[in-house]
C-alpha atoms as a PDB file:
ATOM      1  CA  MET A   1     -17.494 -27.331 -17.046  1.00  0.00           C
ATOM      2  CA  ASN A   2     -13.729 -26.834 -17.074  1.00  0.00           C
ATOM      3  CA  THR A   3     -13.744 -24.364 -14.199  1.00  0.00           C
ATOM      4  CA  VAL A   4     -14.985 -27.072 -11.858  1.00  0.00           C
ATOM      5  CA  SER A   5     -12.065 -29.349 -12.578  1.00  0.00           C
ATOM      6  CA  THR A   6      -9.355 -26.645 -12.549  1.00  0.00           C
ATOM      7  CA  ASN A   7     -10.328 -24.951  -9.282  1.00  0.00           C
ATOM      8  CA  PRO A   8      -9.019 -26.414  -6.016  1.00  0.00           C
ATOM      9  CA  PRO A   9     -11.554 -28.436  -4.012  1.00  0.00           C
ATOM     10  CA  PRO A  10     -13.529 -26.428  -1.413  1.00  0.00           C
ATOM     11  CA  VAL A  11     -11.910 -28.370   1.442  1.00  0.00           C
ATOM     12  CA  ARG A  12      -8.444 -27.446   0.230  1.00  0.00           C
ATOM     13  CA  ARG A  13      -9.410 -23.779  -0.195  1.00  0.00           C
ATOM     14  CA  LYS A  14     -10.812 -23.668   3.330  1.00  0.00           C
ATOM     15  CA  ALA A  15      -7.727 -25.387   4.706  1.00  0.00           C
ATOM     16  CA  THR A  16      -5.489 -22.802   3.007  1.00  0.00           C
ATOM     17  CA  LEU A  17      -7.600 -19.989   4.451  1.00  0.00           C
ATOM     18  CA  TYR A  18      -7.458 -21.476   7.953  1.00  0.00           C
ATOM     19  CA  VAL A  19      -3.679 -21.879   7.731  1.00  0.00           C
ATOM     20  CA  ALA A  20      -3.309 -18.251   6.633  1.00  0.00           C
ATOM     21  CA  TYR A  21      -5.415 -17.014   9.540  1.00  0.00           C
ATOM     22  CA  ALA A  22      -3.557 -19.302  11.967  1.00  0.00           C
ATOM     23  CA  ILE A  23      -0.193 -17.893  10.862  1.00  0.00           C
ATOM     24  CA  ALA A  24      -1.600 -14.368  11.125  1.00  0.00           C
ATOM     25  CA  MET A  25      -2.834 -14.998  14.679  1.00  0.00           C
ATOM     26  CA  ILE A  26       0.548 -16.406  15.715  1.00  0.00           C
ATOM     27  CA  CYS A  27       2.311 -13.337  14.322  1.00  0.00           C
ATOM     28  CA  ILE A  28      -0.166 -10.964  15.973  1.00  0.00           C
ATOM     29  CA  THR A  29       0.246 -12.675  19.342  1.00  0.00           C
ATOM     30  CA  ALA A  30       4.047 -12.671  19.156  1.00  0.00           C
ATOM     31  CA  TRP A  31       4.277  -9.033  18.103  1.00  0.00           C
ATOM     32  CA  LEU A  32       1.772  -7.778  20.671  1.00  0.00           C
ATOM     33  CA  LEU A  33       3.454  -9.714  23.484  1.00  0.00           C
ATOM     34  CA  TRP A  34       6.732  -7.986  22.609  1.00  0.00           C
ATOM     35  CA  VAL A  35       5.096  -4.555  22.311  1.00  0.00           C
ATOM     36  CA  PHE A  36       3.224  -4.820  25.647  1.00  0.00           C
ATOM     37  CA  ARG A  37       6.090  -6.356  27.617  1.00  0.00           C
ATOM     38  CA  ASP A  38       6.736  -3.120  29.606  1.00  0.00           C
ATOM     39  CA  PHE A  39       3.253  -1.605  29.395  1.00  0.00           C
ATOM     40  CA  HIS A  40       1.786   0.201  32.438  1.00  0.00           C
ATOM     41  CA  LEU A  41      -1.986   0.502  32.283  1.00  0.00           C
ATOM     42  CA  ARG A  42      -2.381   3.393  34.729  1.00  0.00           C
ATOM     43  CA  GLN A  43       0.029   5.650  32.863  1.00  0.00           C
ATOM     44  CA  ALA A  44      -1.594   4.781  29.541  1.00  0.00           C
ATOM     45  CA  ARG A  45      -5.048   5.577  30.974  1.00  0.00           C
ATOM     46  CA  GLU A  46      -3.893   9.034  32.001  1.00  0.00           C
ATOM     47  CA  GLU A  47      -2.406   9.694  28.568  1.00  0.00           C
ATOM     48  CA  PHE A  48      -5.592   8.569  26.840  1.00  0.00           C
ATOM     49  CA  SER A  49      -7.649  10.906  29.029  1.00  0.00           C
ATOM     50  CA  ASN A  50      -5.585  13.916  27.935  1.00  0.00           C
ATOM     51  CA  VAL A  51      -6.023  13.372  24.178  1.00  0.00           C
ATOM     52  CA  ASP A  52      -6.861  16.515  22.181  1.00  0.00           C
ATOM     53  CA  TRP A  53      -9.564  15.339  19.793  1.00  0.00           C
ATOM     54  CA  ARG A  54      -9.270  18.373  17.543  1.00  0.00           C
ATOM     55  CA  TRP A  55      -5.836  17.178  16.469  1.00  0.00           C
ATOM     56  CA  VAL A  56      -7.205  13.652  16.055  1.00  0.00           C
ATOM     57  CA  VAL A  57      -9.862  14.829  13.606  1.00  0.00           C
ATOM     58  CA  LEU A  58      -7.221  16.777  11.681  1.00  0.00           C
ATOM     59  CA  GLY A  59      -4.981  13.713  11.531  1.00  0.00           C
ATOM     60  CA  MET A  60      -7.857  11.548  10.289  1.00  0.00           C
ATOM     61  CA  ALA A  61      -8.625  14.087   7.569  1.00  0.00           C
ATOM     62  CA  PHE A  62      -5.049  14.201   6.281  1.00  0.00           C
ATOM     63  CA  ASP A  63      -4.822  10.394   6.246  1.00  0.00           C
ATOM     64  CA  VAL A  64      -8.090  10.056   4.309  1.00  0.00           C
ATOM     65  CA  ILE A  65      -6.935  12.711   1.830  1.00  0.00           C
ATOM     66  CA  SER A  66      -3.684  10.815   1.240  1.00  0.00           C
ATOM     67  CA  TYR A  67      -5.586   7.879  -0.257  1.00  0.00           C
ATOM     68  CA  GLY A  68      -7.590  10.237  -2.431  1.00  0.00           C
ATOM     69  CA  VAL A  69      -4.216  11.482  -3.697  1.00  0.00           C
ATOM     70  CA  GLN A  70      -3.228   7.866  -4.343  1.00  0.00           C
ATOM     71  CA  ALA A  71      -6.342   7.428  -6.485  1.00  0.00           C
ATOM     72  CA  LEU A  72      -5.461  10.593  -8.417  1.00  0.00           C
ATOM     73  CA  ARG A  73      -1.946   9.278  -9.036  1.00  0.00           C
ATOM     74  CA  TRP A  74      -3.415   5.990 -10.242  1.00  0.00           C
ATOM     75  CA  LYS A  75      -5.561   7.896 -12.714  1.00  0.00           C
ATOM     76  CA  PHE A  76      -2.452   9.616 -14.124  1.00  0.00           C
ATOM     77  CA  LEU A  77      -0.506   6.339 -14.395  1.00  0.00           C
ATOM     78  CA  LEU A  78      -3.282   4.636 -16.365  1.00  0.00           C
ATOM     79  CA  LYS A  79      -3.962   7.593 -18.646  1.00  0.00           C
ATOM     80  CA  PRO A  80      -2.101   6.016 -21.627  1.00  0.00           C
ATOM     81  CA  PHE A  81      -4.659   3.172 -21.644  1.00  0.00           C
ATOM     82  CA  GLY A  82      -7.861   5.174 -21.409  1.00  0.00           C
ATOM     83  CA  LYS A  83      -9.774   7.824 -19.532  1.00  0.00           C
ATOM     84  CA  ILE A  84     -10.067   6.965 -15.835  1.00  0.00           C
ATOM     85  CA  HIS A  85     -12.859   8.486 -13.760  1.00  0.00           C
ATOM     86  CA  LEU A  86     -11.440   9.792 -10.489  1.00  0.00           C
ATOM     87  CA  ALA A  87     -14.520   8.755  -8.501  1.00  0.00           C
ATOM     88  CA  ARG A  88     -14.138   5.155  -9.660  1.00  0.00           C
ATOM     89  CA  SER A  89     -10.417   5.201  -8.893  1.00  0.00           C
ATOM     90  CA  ILE A  90     -11.134   6.471  -5.360  1.00  0.00           C
ATOM     91  CA  ARG A  91     -13.802   3.820  -4.866  1.00  0.00           C
ATOM     92  CA  ALA A  92     -11.417   1.062  -5.983  1.00  0.00           C
ATOM     93  CA  VAL A  93      -8.651   2.301  -3.666  1.00  0.00           C
ATOM     94  CA  TYR A  94     -10.902   2.335  -0.603  1.00  0.00           C
ATOM     95  CA  ALA A  95     -12.437  -1.048  -1.477  1.00  0.00           C
ATOM     96  CA  GLY A  96      -8.897  -2.450  -1.604  1.00  0.00           C
ATOM     97  CA  LEU A  97      -8.069  -0.855   1.746  1.00  0.00           C
ATOM     98  CA  PHE A  98     -11.133  -2.519   3.274  1.00  0.00           C
ATOM     99  CA  ALA A  99     -10.029  -5.904   1.916  1.00  0.00           C
ATOM    100  CA  ASN A 100      -6.622  -5.416   3.564  1.00  0.00           C
ATOM    101  CA  LEU A 101      -8.366  -4.648   6.856  1.00  0.00           C
ATOM    102  CA  ILE A 102     -10.372  -7.880   7.000  1.00  0.00           C
ATOM    103  CA  PHE A 103      -8.211 -10.416   5.122  1.00  0.00           C
ATOM    104  CA  PRO A 104      -4.618 -11.546   5.757  1.00  0.00           C
ATOM    105  CA  LEU A 105      -1.755 -11.288   3.243  1.00  0.00           C
ATOM    106  CA  ARG A 106      -2.890  -7.916   1.817  1.00  0.00           C
ATOM    107  CA  PRO A 107      -5.151  -9.006  -1.085  1.00  0.00           C
ATOM    108  CA  GLY A 108      -6.499  -5.478  -1.464  1.00  0.00           C
ATOM    109  CA  GLU A 109      -3.999  -4.546  -4.181  1.00  0.00           C
ATOM    110  CA  VAL A 110      -5.379  -7.258  -6.459  1.00  0.00           C
ATOM    111  CA  LEU A 111      -8.986  -6.534  -5.511  1.00  0.00           C
ATOM    112  CA  ARG A 112      -8.747  -2.794  -6.200  1.00  0.00           C
ATOM    113  CA  SER A 113      -7.137  -3.590  -9.540  1.00  0.00           C
ATOM    114  CA  TYR A 114     -10.042  -5.884 -10.400  1.00  0.00           C
ATOM    115  CA  VAL A 115     -12.610  -3.254  -9.371  1.00  0.00           C
ATOM    116  CA  LEU A 116     -11.031  -0.547 -11.526  1.00  0.00           C
ATOM    117  CA  SER A 117     -10.381  -2.951 -14.397  1.00  0.00           C
ATOM    118  CA  SER A 118     -14.033  -3.953 -14.463  1.00  0.00           C
ATOM    119  CA  SER A 119     -15.428  -0.435 -14.174  1.00  0.00           C
ATOM    120  CA  GLU A 120     -13.064   1.179 -16.697  1.00  0.00           C
ATOM    121  CA  GLU A 121     -12.717  -1.871 -18.977  1.00  0.00           C
ATOM    122  CA  ILE A 122      -8.921  -1.892 -18.967  1.00  0.00           C
ATOM    123  CA  PRO A 123      -7.181  -5.301 -18.997  1.00  0.00           C
ATOM    124  CA  LEU A 124      -6.429  -6.482 -15.487  1.00  0.00           C
ATOM    125  CA  GLY A 125      -2.778  -7.128 -16.317  1.00  0.00           C
ATOM    126  CA  ARG A 126      -2.244  -3.475 -17.183  1.00  0.00           C
ATOM    127  CA  VAL A 127      -3.908  -2.299 -14.003  1.00  0.00           C
ATOM    128  CA  LEU A 128      -1.792  -4.679 -11.916  1.00  0.00           C
ATOM    129  CA  GLY A 129       1.296  -3.378 -13.706  1.00  0.00           C
ATOM    130  CA  SER A 130       0.390   0.157 -12.672  1.00  0.00           C
ATOM    131  CA  VAL A 131       0.197  -1.021  -9.039  1.00  0.00           C
ATOM    132  CA  GLY A 132       3.738  -2.363  -9.393  1.00  0.00           C
ATOM    133  CA  VAL A 133       4.849   1.017 -10.740  1.00  0.00           C
ATOM    134  CA  GLU A 134       3.180   2.679  -7.735  1.00  0.00           C
ATOM    135  CA  ARG A 135       5.117   0.486  -5.325  1.00  0.00           C
ATOM    136  CA  PHE A 136       8.396   1.211  -7.103  1.00  0.00           C
ATOM    137  CA  VAL A 137       7.823   4.979  -7.077  1.00  0.00           C
ATOM    138  CA  ASP A 138       6.919   4.773  -3.375  1.00  0.00           C
ATOM    139  CA  LEU A 139      10.153   2.879  -2.688  1.00  0.00           C
ATOM    140  CA  VAL A 140      12.247   5.516  -4.451  1.00  0.00           C
ATOM    141  CA  ILE A 141      10.516   8.355  -2.588  1.00  0.00           C
ATOM    142  CA  ALA A 142      10.811   6.574   0.782  1.00  0.00           C
ATOM    143  CA  THR A 143      14.521   5.959   0.204  1.00  0.00           C
ATOM    144  CA  ALA A 144      15.103   9.581  -0.790  1.00  0.00           C
ATOM    145  CA  CYS A 145      13.167  10.837   2.244  1.00  0.00           C
ATOM    146  CA  LEU A 146      15.140   8.572   4.562  1.00  0.00           C
ATOM    147  CA  GLY A 147      18.387   9.848   3.090  1.00  0.00           C
ATOM    148  CA  VAL A 148      17.374  13.504   3.513  1.00  0.00           C
ATOM    149  CA  VAL A 149      16.053  12.999   7.051  1.00  0.00           C
ATOM    150  CA  SER A 150      19.271  11.228   8.099  1.00  0.00           C
ATOM    151  CA  LEU A 151      21.112  14.516   7.423  1.00  0.00           C
ATOM    152  CA  PHE A 152      19.068  16.290  10.101  1.00  0.00           C
ATOM    153  CA  VAL A 153      18.150  13.526  12.560  1.00  0.00           C
ATOM    154  CA  ASP A 154      20.724  11.494  14.490  1.00  0.00           C
ATOM    155  CA  LEU A 155      19.630   7.918  13.716  1.00  0.00           C
ATOM    156  CA  PRO A 156      20.877   4.853  15.591  1.00  0.00           C
ATOM    157  CA  ARG A 157      23.524   2.783  13.880  1.00  0.00           C
ATOM    158  CA  ARG A 158      21.115  -0.065  13.031  1.00  0.00           C
ATOM    159  CA  PHE A 159      18.800   2.351  11.249  1.00  0.00           C
ATOM    160  CA  GLU A 160      21.697   3.794   9.274  1.00  0.00           C
ATOM    161  CA  ARG A 161      22.623   0.296   8.084  1.00  0.00           C
ATOM    162  CA  ILE A 162      19.025  -0.335   7.021  1.00  0.00           C
ATOM    163  CA  ALA A 163      18.962   3.003   5.199  1.00  0.00           C
ATOM    164  CA  ASP A 164      22.219   2.194   3.389  1.00  0.00           C
ATOM    165  CA  THR A 165      20.954  -1.246   2.356  1.00  0.00           C
ATOM    166  CA  LEU A 166      17.644   0.177   1.186  1.00  0.00           C
ATOM    167  CA  GLY A 167      19.456   2.857  -0.802  1.00  0.00           C
ATOM    168  CA  ILE A 168      21.657   0.300  -2.570  1.00  0.00           C
ATOM    169  CA  VAL A 169      18.691  -1.935  -3.425  1.00  0.00           C
ATOM    170  CA  THR A 170      16.709   1.027  -4.733  1.00  0.00           C
ATOM    171  CA  LEU A 171      19.600   2.244  -6.908  1.00  0.00           C
ATOM    172  CA  VAL A 172      20.027  -1.237  -8.402  1.00  0.00           C
ATOM    173  CA  LEU A 173      16.308  -1.513  -9.169  1.00  0.00           C
ATOM    174  CA  LEU A 174      16.272   1.998 -10.614  1.00  0.00           C
ATOM    175  CA  ALA A 175      19.238   1.156 -12.861  1.00  0.00           C
ATOM    176  CA  ILE A 176      17.442  -1.982 -14.109  1.00  0.00           C
ATOM    177  CA  VAL A 177      14.269  -0.019 -14.871  1.00  0.00           C
ATOM    178  CA  VAL A 178      16.198   2.703 -16.737  1.00  0.00           C
ATOM    179  CA  ALA A 179      18.081   0.043 -18.716  1.00  0.00           C
ATOM    180  CA  LEU A 180      14.811  -1.641 -19.724  1.00  0.00           C
ATOM    181  CA  VAL A 181      13.290   1.655 -20.835  1.00  0.00           C
ATOM    182  CA  LEU A 182      16.371   2.475 -22.925  1.00  0.00           C
ATOM    183  CA  TYR A 183      16.327  -1.023 -24.430  1.00  0.00           C
ATOM    184  CA  LEU A 184      12.701  -0.673 -25.461  1.00  0.00           C
ATOM    185  CA  GLU A 185      13.348   2.792 -26.888  1.00  0.00           C
ATOM    186  CA  LEU A 186      16.259   1.527 -29.008  1.00  0.00           C
ATOM    187  CA  LYS A 187      14.874  -1.840 -30.073  1.00  0.00           C
ATOM    188  CA  LEU A 188      11.218  -1.093 -30.571  1.00  0.00           C
ATOM    189  CA  GLY A 189      11.472   2.422 -31.909  1.00  0.00           C
ATOM    190  CA  ARG A 190       8.074   3.985 -32.415  1.00  0.00           C
ATOM    191  CA  GLU A 191       6.161   0.732 -32.801  1.00  0.00           C
ATOM    192  CA  PRO A 192       3.658   0.447 -29.919  1.00  0.00           C
ATOM    193  CA  GLN A 193       3.647  -3.358 -30.069  1.00  0.00           C
ATOM    194  CA  PRO A 194       6.301  -5.447 -31.899  1.00  0.00           C
ATOM    195  CA  GLU A 195       5.356  -8.557 -33.784  1.00  0.00           C
ATOM    196  CA  PRO A 196       6.128 -11.955 -32.173  1.00  0.00           C
ATOM    197  CA  GLY A 197       9.614 -13.128 -33.074  1.00  0.00           C
ATOM    198  CA  GLU A 198      11.074  -9.657 -33.581  1.00  0.00           C
ATOM    199  CA  THR A 199      12.811  -9.817 -30.207  1.00  0.00           C
ATOM    200  CA  LYS A 200      14.231 -12.579 -28.039  1.00  0.00           C
ATOM    201  CA  ILE A 201      11.972 -11.599 -25.145  1.00  0.00           C
ATOM    202  CA  PRO A 202       9.029 -13.984 -24.492  1.00  0.00           C
ATOM    203  CA  SER A 203       5.750 -12.540 -25.767  1.00  0.00           C
ATOM    204  CA  LYS A 204       4.045 -12.342 -22.345  1.00  0.00           C
ATOM    205  CA  LEU A 205       7.031 -10.601 -20.747  1.00  0.00           C
ATOM    206  CA  LEU A 206       7.339  -8.318 -23.762  1.00  0.00           C
ATOM    207  CA  ALA A 207       3.671  -7.302 -23.449  1.00  0.00           C
ATOM    208  CA  ILE A 208       4.250  -6.375 -19.790  1.00  0.00           C
ATOM    209  CA  LEU A 209       7.383  -4.372 -20.656  1.00  0.00           C
ATOM    210  CA  VAL A 210       5.579  -2.538 -23.451  1.00  0.00           C
ATOM    211  CA  ASP A 211       2.770  -1.562 -21.053  1.00  0.00           C
ATOM    212  CA  LEU A 212       5.271  -0.374 -18.443  1.00  0.00           C
ATOM    213  CA  HIS A 213       7.148   1.511 -21.145  1.00  0.00           C
ATOM    214  CA  ALA A 214       3.912   3.216 -22.183  1.00  0.00           C
ATOM    215  CA  MET A 215       3.268   4.322 -18.607  1.00  0.00           C
ATOM    216  CA  GLY A 216       6.834   5.418 -17.928  1.00  0.00           C
ATOM    217  CA  THR A 217       7.236   7.512 -21.093  1.00  0.00           C
ATOM    218  CA  ALA A 218       3.795   9.142 -21.108  1.00  0.00           C
ATOM    219  CA  PRO A 219       3.667  12.854 -20.123  1.00  0.00           C
ATOM    220  CA  SER A 220       1.172  11.951 -17.404  1.00  0.00           C
ATOM    221  CA  PHE A 221       3.855   9.856 -15.663  1.00  0.00           C
ATOM    222  CA  TYR A 222       5.674  12.987 -14.483  1.00  0.00           C
ATOM    223  CA  THR A 223       2.433  14.343 -13.063  1.00  0.00           C
ATOM    224  CA  ALA A 224       1.961  11.005 -11.287  1.00  0.00           C
ATOM    225  CA  VAL A 225       5.451  11.259  -9.746  1.00  0.00           C
ATOM    226  CA  LEU A 226       4.761  14.785  -8.495  1.00  0.00           C
ATOM    227  CA  THR A 227       1.450  13.577  -7.067  1.00  0.00           C
ATOM    228  CA  SER A 228       3.346  10.750  -5.340  1.00  0.00           C
ATOM    229  CA  LEU A 229       5.212  13.345  -3.286  1.00  0.00           C
ATOM    230  CA  LEU A 230       1.933  14.708  -1.930  1.00  0.00           C
ATOM    231  CA  MET A 231       0.681  11.321  -0.700  1.00  0.00           C
ATOM    232  CA  PRO A 232       3.384  10.642   1.964  1.00  0.00           C
ATOM    233  CA  PHE A 233       3.313  14.334   2.906  1.00  0.00           C
ATOM    234  CA  CYS A 234      -0.378  14.032   3.834  1.00  0.00           C
ATOM    235  CA  GLN A 235       0.295  10.791   5.724  1.00  0.00           C
ATOM    236  CA  VAL A 236       3.111  12.388   7.704  1.00  0.00           C
ATOM    237  CA  LEU A 237       0.858  15.327   8.533  1.00  0.00           C
ATOM    238  CA  GLY A 238      -1.806  12.867   9.687  1.00  0.00           C
ATOM    239  CA  LEU A 239       0.596  10.980  11.955  1.00  0.00           C
ATOM    240  CA  TRP A 240       2.164  14.195  13.266  1.00  0.00           C
ATOM    241  CA  ALA A 241      -1.307  15.577  14.124  1.00  0.00           C
ATOM    242  CA  VAL A 242      -2.141  12.391  16.053  1.00  0.00           C
ATOM    243  CA  MET A 243       1.195  12.729  17.863  1.00  0.00           C
ATOM    244  CA  ARG A 244       0.206  16.249  18.884  1.00  0.00           C
ATOM    245  CA  ALA A 245      -3.162  14.947  20.039  1.00  0.00           C
ATOM    246  CA  TYR A 246      -1.403  12.386  22.252  1.00  0.00           C
ATOM    247  CA  SER A 247       0.937  15.049  23.699  1.00  0.00           C
ATOM    248  CA  LEU A 248       3.941  13.621  21.852  1.00  0.00           C
ATOM    249  CA  HIS A 249       5.645  16.889  20.984  1.00  0.00           C
ATOM    250  CA  LEU A 250       8.023  15.511  18.377  1.00  0.00           C
ATOM    251  CA  SER A 251       9.132  17.378  15.267  1.00  0.00           C
ATOM    252  CA  PHE A 252       7.741  16.921  11.777  1.00  0.00           C
ATOM    253  CA  LEU A 253      10.974  15.134  10.781  1.00  0.00           C
ATOM    254  CA  ALA A 254      10.458  12.721  13.682  1.00  0.00           C
ATOM    255  CA  ALA A 255       7.025  11.893  12.284  1.00  0.00           C
ATOM    256  CA  VAL A 256       8.689  11.247   8.919  1.00  0.00           C
ATOM    257  CA  VAL A 257      11.066   8.731  10.504  1.00  0.00           C
ATOM    258  CA  VAL A 258       8.297   6.962  12.436  1.00  0.00           C
ATOM    259  CA  LEU A 259       6.073   6.741   9.341  1.00  0.00           C
ATOM    260  CA  LEU A 260       8.940   5.372   7.230  1.00  0.00           C
ATOM    261  CA  VAL A 261       9.648   2.679   9.820  1.00  0.00           C
ATOM    262  CA  ILE A 262       5.953   1.751   9.991  1.00  0.00           C
ATOM    263  CA  ASN A 263       5.524   1.656   6.210  1.00  0.00           C
ATOM    264  CA  LEU A 264       8.640  -0.449   5.704  1.00  0.00           C
ATOM    265  CA  GLY A 265       7.527  -2.822   8.449  1.00  0.00           C
ATOM    266  CA  VAL A 266       4.000  -3.382   7.153  1.00  0.00           C
ATOM    267  CA  SER A 267       4.905  -3.423   3.461  1.00  0.00           C
ATOM    268  CA  LEU A 268       5.090  -7.220   3.396  1.00  0.00           C
ATOM    269  CA  PRO A 269       1.888  -9.315   3.494  1.00  0.00           C
ATOM    270  CA  ASN A 270       0.878  -9.969   7.099  1.00  0.00           C
ATOM    271  CA  ALA A 271      -2.128 -10.027   9.414  1.00  0.00           C
ATOM    272  CA  PRO A 272      -5.452  -8.295   8.623  1.00  0.00           C
ATOM    273  CA  ALA A 273      -5.229  -4.509   9.094  1.00  0.00           C
ATOM    274  CA  ASN A 274      -1.517  -4.939   9.967  1.00  0.00           C
ATOM    275  CA  VAL A 275      -2.548  -5.624  13.575  1.00  0.00           C
ATOM    276  CA  GLY A 276       0.539  -6.297  15.644  1.00  0.00           C
ATOM    277  CA  ALA A 277       2.977  -5.274  12.923  1.00  0.00           C
ATOM    278  CA  TYR A 278       1.783  -1.653  13.026  1.00  0.00           C
ATOM    279  CA  GLN A 279       2.210  -1.478  16.805  1.00  0.00           C
ATOM    280  CA  LEU A 280       5.599  -3.182  16.687  1.00  0.00           C
ATOM    281  CA  PHE A 281       7.143  -0.892  14.086  1.00  0.00           C
ATOM    282  CA  CYS A 282       5.517   2.215  15.520  1.00  0.00           C
ATOM    283  CA  VAL A 283       7.201   1.472  18.852  1.00  0.00           C
ATOM    284  CA  LEU A 284      10.503   0.804  17.056  1.00  0.00           C
ATOM    285  CA  GLY A 285      10.220   4.124  15.232  1.00  0.00           C
ATOM    286  CA  LEU A 286       9.485   6.025  18.431  1.00  0.00           C
ATOM    287  CA  SER A 287      12.415   4.311  20.175  1.00  0.00           C
ATOM    288  CA  VAL A 288      14.729   6.377  17.953  1.00  0.00           C
ATOM    289  CA  PHE A 289      13.594   9.449  19.905  1.00  0.00           C
ATOM    290  CA  ASP A 290      13.777   7.824  23.363  1.00  0.00           C
ATOM    291  CA  VAL A 291      10.024   7.832  23.924  1.00  0.00           C
ATOM    292  CA  ASN A 292       8.952   6.017  27.090  1.00  0.00           C
ATOM    293  CA  SER A 293       7.949   2.401  26.306  1.00  0.00           C
ATOM    294  CA  THR A 294       4.473   2.742  27.836  1.00  0.00           C
ATOM    295  CA  THR A 295       3.848   6.019  26.009  1.00  0.00           C
ATOM    296  CA  ALA A 296       5.104   4.541  22.732  1.00  0.00           C
ATOM    297  CA  THR A 297       2.930   1.435  23.159  1.00  0.00           C
ATOM    298  CA  GLY A 298      -0.158   3.439  24.085  1.00  0.00           C
ATOM    299  CA  PHE A 299       0.380   5.771  21.154  1.00  0.00           C
ATOM    300  CA  SER A 300       0.838   2.854  18.728  1.00  0.00           C
ATOM    301  CA  VAL A 301      -2.581   1.497  19.722  1.00  0.00           C
ATOM    302  CA  PHE A 302      -4.254   4.912  19.724  1.00  0.00           C
ATOM    303  CA  ALA A 303      -2.801   5.969  16.353  1.00  0.00           C
ATOM    304  CA  PHE A 304      -3.769   2.633  14.820  1.00  0.00           C
ATOM    305  CA  LEU A 305      -7.388   2.978  15.943  1.00  0.00           C
ATOM    306  CA  ALA A 306      -7.655   6.665  15.048  1.00  0.00           C
ATOM    307  CA  LEU A 307      -6.214   6.280  11.553  1.00  0.00           C
ATOM    308  CA  THR A 308      -7.873   2.938  10.763  1.00  0.00           C
ATOM    309  CA  PHE A 309     -11.467   3.737  11.767  1.00  0.00           C
ATOM    310  CA  PRO A 310     -12.239   6.240   8.950  1.00  0.00           C
ATOM    311  CA  LEU A 311     -10.582   3.948   6.392  1.00  0.00           C
ATOM    312  CA  ALA A 312     -12.702   1.017   7.590  1.00  0.00           C
ATOM    313  CA  PHE A 313     -15.897   3.076   7.327  1.00  0.00           C
ATOM    314  CA  LEU A 314     -15.100   4.536   3.897  1.00  0.00           C
ATOM    315  CA  GLY A 315     -13.713   1.220   2.657  1.00  0.00           C
ATOM    316  CA  PHE A 316     -16.865  -0.633   3.664  1.00  0.00           C
ATOM    317  CA  ALA A 317     -18.994   1.959   1.844  1.00  0.00           C
ATOM    318  CA  ALA A 318     -16.762   1.685  -1.250  1.00  0.00           C
ATOM    319  CA  ALA A 319     -17.002  -2.115  -1.210  1.00  0.00           C
ATOM    320  CA  LEU A 320     -20.801  -1.960  -1.039  1.00  0.00           C
ATOM    321  CA  ARG A 321     -20.847   0.637  -3.830  1.00  0.00           C
ATOM    322  CA  SER A 322     -18.714  -1.734  -5.917  1.00  0.00           C
ATOM    323  CA  GLY A 323     -21.306  -4.477  -5.471  1.00  0.00           C
ATOM    324  CA  PHE A 324     -19.480  -6.543  -2.833  1.00  0.00           C
ATOM    325  CA  SER A 325     -20.761  -8.109   0.355  1.00  0.00           C
ATOM    326  CA  LEU A 326     -18.335  -9.617   2.854  1.00  0.00           C
ATOM    327  CA  HIS A 327     -19.067 -13.091   1.455  1.00  0.00           C
ATOM    328  CA  SER A 328     -18.723 -12.094  -2.199  1.00  0.00           C
ATOM    329  CA  MET A 329     -15.544 -10.156  -1.435  1.00  0.00           C
ATOM    330  CA  ARG A 330     -14.013 -13.234   0.179  1.00  0.00           C
ATOM    331  CA  GLU A 331     -15.003 -15.343  -2.834  1.00  0.00           C
ATOM    332  CA  LYS A 332     -13.574 -12.787  -5.274  1.00  0.00           C
ATOM    333  CA  VAL A 333     -10.311 -12.489  -3.327  1.00  0.00           C
ATOM    334  CA  GLY A 334      -9.975 -16.282  -3.442  1.00  0.00           C
ATOM    335  CA  SER A 335     -10.721 -16.481  -7.171  1.00  0.00           C
ATOM    336  CA  LEU A 336      -8.304 -13.664  -8.017  1.00  0.00           C
ATOM    337  CA  SER A 337      -5.529 -15.339  -6.043  1.00  0.00           C
ATOM    338  CA  ARG A 338      -6.027 -18.507  -8.098  1.00  0.00           C
ATOM    339  CA  GLN A 339      -6.615 -16.831 -11.467  1.00  0.00           C
ATOM    340  CA  PRO A 340      -5.448 -13.214 -11.482  1.00  0.00           C
ATOM    341  CA  ARG A 341      -6.395 -12.475 -15.082  1.00  0.00           C
ATOM    342  CA  GLN A 342     -10.169 -12.423 -15.319  1.00  0.00           C
ATOM    343  CA  PRO A 343     -11.911 -11.766 -18.627  1.00  0.00           C
ATOM    344  CA  LEU A 344     -13.612  -8.406 -18.868  1.00  0.00           C
ATOM    345  CA  LYS A 345     -17.186  -7.969 -19.889  1.00  0.00           C
ATOM    346  CA  PRO A 346     -17.602  -6.485 -23.368  1.00  0.00           C
ATOM    347  CA  ARG A 347     -18.399  -2.791 -23.515  1.00  0.00           C
ATOM    348  CA  ALA A 348     -22.093  -2.151 -23.876  1.00  0.00           C
ATOM    349  CA  GLN A 349     -23.071  -0.697 -27.214  1.00  0.00           C
ATOM    350  CA  ASN A 350     -25.041   2.511 -27.079  1.00  0.00           C
END
């Protein structure tokens, strides 16, 4: 009875959805108009006709493997809270990817957390916390990679400023995280969960910090960090292979730069499947290496299609395996956005 009165009216929910899609369409249109401003169709047609599909298949394989590595890392991060089945972790990751492909504002992170939380019976808040840890580890690795690559690749001045700013932000965040871990180690000692009133930290925030502390101090965390290095490596190999397929004979380090620019550009919530944003930041990344505008634009479209198609297929299969249809997925995404902490079903007694 109470859920009817607390949920927004259907008209308001639909209006919010329409506004989100309208903003996404405006962004897509603006970005694609900028990307295609100097595009020559005849040249692009010739480049498409010369694609080496053996390299394309290799690039697809590496990109698919990278998300399997992400699922493995997720399993290691959540190990302090229970045994995670790798197959279920992989299924949740691909179901989340599929949600990001068809819905705006990247709801897949919440959806994959819900899928794994339900299947492994771990509180949703803990699973969402592990996703935040993933993003932080990815930020640290991306910043470190950008710093190393800048020693070997002559980056434009604007990219150097972005790299410096990103490095400062990452160091500040890292210092805050280390300070919190030290605080919990000193104040809480060996107690896994302090009693209310023992600290000045609000109970809800304290529960989150304790969960993050458990993940960050578990032996499996170091395995998760090492696994995190393999994920971007596979993605760079995938992008580099697609570059080779498109006759873009750039170095492996160039692929690292382009991938970093793309990932930083699409990291914020935007249009479904990052349409428009992917092409825009791919072209910006290639502009560092003086790639012809038509070639860069054609490659941005080709790479997007080549690397998105297998994820869409596998993501759709994972969503169906998780019990979702397109309609039920949309309903679940909407309900999770309004009430992120859903009660879990009790464990069945054998």
